[in-house]
Amino acid sequence: MAFTWTLGRTTVHGDERTMHGTVTADNTSGSVDTGLCNINQVLYAPKTMTSGARFRINSLPSGTATAGYLAVTGCTSGDVFYVTVYGS
């Protein structure tokens, strides 16, 4: 299985696309394809979180640069995060 990215809303702010959604973890680390070509910024808030998670933009959990992907490490299976990503 993989982390789940559930898109709630998309919009445009100036010259950046903005996507609001939730990420559901099914392991201690993983990534989601946001659909953006490049992520400039991520904002998150825990919905359910039992540990401190770390986010990497344009990356896989291993550290490999991958445009448009959001990596999450240090979480617990079942954690859910509200996520907003800005990019192009």
C-alpha atoms as a PDB file:
ATOM      1  CA  MET A   1       0.000   0.000   0.000  1.00  0.00           C
ATOM      2  CA  ALA A   2       0.972   3.640  -0.167  1.00  0.00           C
ATOM      3  CA  PHE A   3       0.196   6.858   1.635  1.00  0.00           C
ATOM      4  CA  THR A   4      -3.134   8.284   0.505  1.00  0.00           C
ATOM      5  CA  TRP A   5      -3.541  11.851  -0.794  1.00  0.00           C
ATOM      6  CA  THR A   6      -7.200  12.900  -0.772  1.00  0.00           C
ATOM      7  CA  LEU A   7      -7.653  16.168  -2.610  1.00  0.00           C
ATOM      8  CA  GLY A   8     -10.297  18.431  -1.132  1.00  0.00           C
ATOM      9  CA  ARG A   9      -9.901  21.644  -3.133  1.00  0.00           C
ATOM     10  CA  THR A  10      -7.655  23.352  -5.644  1.00  0.00           C
ATOM     11  CA  THR A  11      -7.310  27.049  -6.333  1.00  0.00           C
ATOM     12  CA  VAL A  12      -4.833  29.616  -7.632  1.00  0.00           C
ATOM     13  CA  HIS A  13      -3.112  32.290  -5.547  1.00  0.00           C
ATOM     14  CA  GLY A  14      -1.241  34.720  -7.762  1.00  0.00           C
ATOM     15  CA  ASP A  15       1.041  32.613  -9.934  1.00  0.00           C
ATOM     16  CA  GLU A  16       0.890  29.471  -7.754  1.00  0.00           C
ATOM     17  CA  ARG A  17      -1.505  26.542  -7.734  1.00  0.00           C
ATOM     18  CA  THR A  18      -2.775  25.669  -4.273  1.00  0.00           C
ATOM     19  CA  MET A  19      -4.047  22.236  -3.308  1.00  0.00           C
ATOM     20  CA  HIS A  20      -5.795  21.434  -0.024  1.00  0.00           C
ATOM     21  CA  GLY A  21      -6.307  17.870   1.126  1.00  0.00           C
ATOM     22  CA  THR A  22      -5.467  15.146   3.606  1.00  0.00           C
ATOM     23  CA  VAL A  23      -2.637  12.648   3.768  1.00  0.00           C
ATOM     24  CA  THR A  24      -3.240   9.315   5.485  1.00  0.00           C
ATOM     25  CA  ALA A  25      -0.192   7.310   6.556  1.00  0.00           C
ATOM     26  CA  ASP A  26      -0.099   3.521   6.281  1.00  0.00           C
ATOM     27  CA  ASN A  27       3.499   3.137   7.466  1.00  0.00           C
ATOM     28  CA  THR A  28       6.180   5.113   9.316  1.00  0.00           C
ATOM     29  CA  SER A  29       7.304   6.828   6.108  1.00  0.00           C
ATOM     30  CA  GLY A  30       6.033   7.314   2.606  1.00  0.00           C
ATOM     31  CA  SER A  31       5.213   9.852  -0.068  1.00  0.00           C
ATOM     32  CA  VAL A  32       2.356  11.143  -2.175  1.00  0.00           C
ATOM     33  CA  ASP A  33       2.240  12.569  -5.682  1.00  0.00           C
ATOM     34  CA  THR A  34       0.511  15.933  -5.310  1.00  0.00           C
ATOM     35  CA  GLY A  35      -0.011  16.407  -9.028  1.00  0.00           C
ATOM     36  CA  LEU A  36       2.102  19.571  -9.033  1.00  0.00           C
ATOM     37  CA  CYS A  37       5.183  19.899 -11.233  1.00  0.00           C
ATOM     38  CA  ASN A  38       7.087  21.518  -8.365  1.00  0.00           C
ATOM     39  CA  ILE A  39       6.177  22.174  -4.715  1.00  0.00           C
ATOM     40  CA  ASN A  40       7.302  25.536  -3.332  1.00  0.00           C
ATOM     41  CA  GLN A  41       5.814  25.272   0.161  1.00  0.00           C
ATOM     42  CA  VAL A  42       3.823  22.933   2.402  1.00  0.00           C
ATOM     43  CA  LEU A  43       1.643  23.738   5.388  1.00  0.00           C
ATOM     44  CA  TYR A  44       0.211  20.996   7.550  1.00  0.00           C
ATOM     45  CA  ALA A  45      -1.858  20.453  10.661  1.00  0.00           C
ATOM     46  CA  PRO A  46      -2.413  17.108  12.354  1.00  0.00           C
ATOM     47  CA  LYS A  47      -5.891  15.640  12.326  1.00  0.00           C
ATOM     48  CA  THR A  48      -4.794  12.538  14.226  1.00  0.00           C
ATOM     49  CA  MET A  49      -1.118  12.255  15.077  1.00  0.00           C
ATOM     50  CA  THR A  50       0.643  10.058  17.628  1.00  0.00           C
ATOM     51  CA  SER A  51       4.219  11.104  16.822  1.00  0.00           C
ATOM     52  CA  GLY A  52       6.145  13.991  15.299  1.00  0.00           C
ATOM     53  CA  ALA A  53       6.245  13.826  11.519  1.00  0.00           C
ATOM     54  CA  ARG A  54       8.723  15.478   9.166  1.00  0.00           C
ATOM     55  CA  PHE A  55       7.829  16.677   5.676  1.00  0.00           C
ATOM     56  CA  ARG A  56      10.110  17.035   2.642  1.00  0.00           C
ATOM     57  CA  ILE A  57       8.984  18.786  -0.518  1.00  0.00           C
ATOM     58  CA  ASN A  58       9.965  17.515  -3.964  1.00  0.00           C
ATOM     59  CA  SER A  59      11.436  14.390  -2.422  1.00  0.00           C
ATOM     60  CA  LEU A  60      10.913  10.730  -1.635  1.00  0.00           C
ATOM     61  CA  PRO A  61      11.436   9.455   1.935  1.00  0.00           C
ATOM     62  CA  SER A  62      14.891   8.183   0.955  1.00  0.00           C
ATOM     63  CA  GLY A  63      15.931  11.746   0.090  1.00  0.00           C
ATOM     64  CA  THR A  64      15.817  11.240  -3.676  1.00  0.00           C
ATOM     65  CA  ALA A  65      14.730  14.469  -5.374  1.00  0.00           C
ATOM     66  CA  THR A  66      11.390  13.903  -7.123  1.00  0.00           C
ATOM     67  CA  ALA A  67       9.479  16.976  -8.288  1.00  0.00           C
ATOM     68  CA  GLY A  68       5.885  17.221  -7.131  1.00  0.00           C
ATOM     69  CA  TYR A  69       6.162  14.578  -4.411  1.00  0.00           C
ATOM     70  CA  LEU A  70       5.662  15.186  -0.710  1.00  0.00           C
ATOM     71  CA  ALA A  71       7.572  12.830   1.600  1.00  0.00           C
ATOM     72  CA  VAL A  72       6.533  12.207   5.200  1.00  0.00           C
ATOM     73  CA  THR A  73       8.789  10.445   7.704  1.00  0.00           C
ATOM     74  CA  GLY A  74       8.628   9.814  11.442  1.00  0.00           C
ATOM     75  CA  CYS A  75       4.891   9.230  11.532  1.00  0.00           C
ATOM     76  CA  THR A  76       2.754   6.327  12.700  1.00  0.00           C
ATOM     77  CA  SER A  77       0.519   4.168  10.548  1.00  0.00           C
ATOM     78  CA  GLY A  78      -2.982   5.630  10.693  1.00  0.00           C
ATOM     79  CA  ASP A  79      -1.880   9.243  11.207  1.00  0.00           C
ATOM     80  CA  VAL A  80      -3.894  11.760   9.187  1.00  0.00           C
ATOM     81  CA  PHE A  81      -2.687  15.268   8.280  1.00  0.00           C
ATOM     82  CA  TYR A  82      -4.437  18.269   6.753  1.00  0.00           C
ATOM     83  CA  VAL A  83      -2.036  19.434   4.049  1.00  0.00           C
ATOM     84  CA  THR A  84      -1.852  22.506   1.813  1.00  0.00           C
ATOM     85  CA  VAL A  85       0.792  22.605  -0.925  1.00  0.00           C
ATOM     86  CA  TYR A  86       1.735  25.582  -3.074  1.00  0.00           C
ATOM     87  CA  GLY A  87       3.560  25.237  -6.357  1.00  0.00           C
ATOM     88  CA  SER A  88       3.391  25.147 -10.105  1.00  0.00           C
END
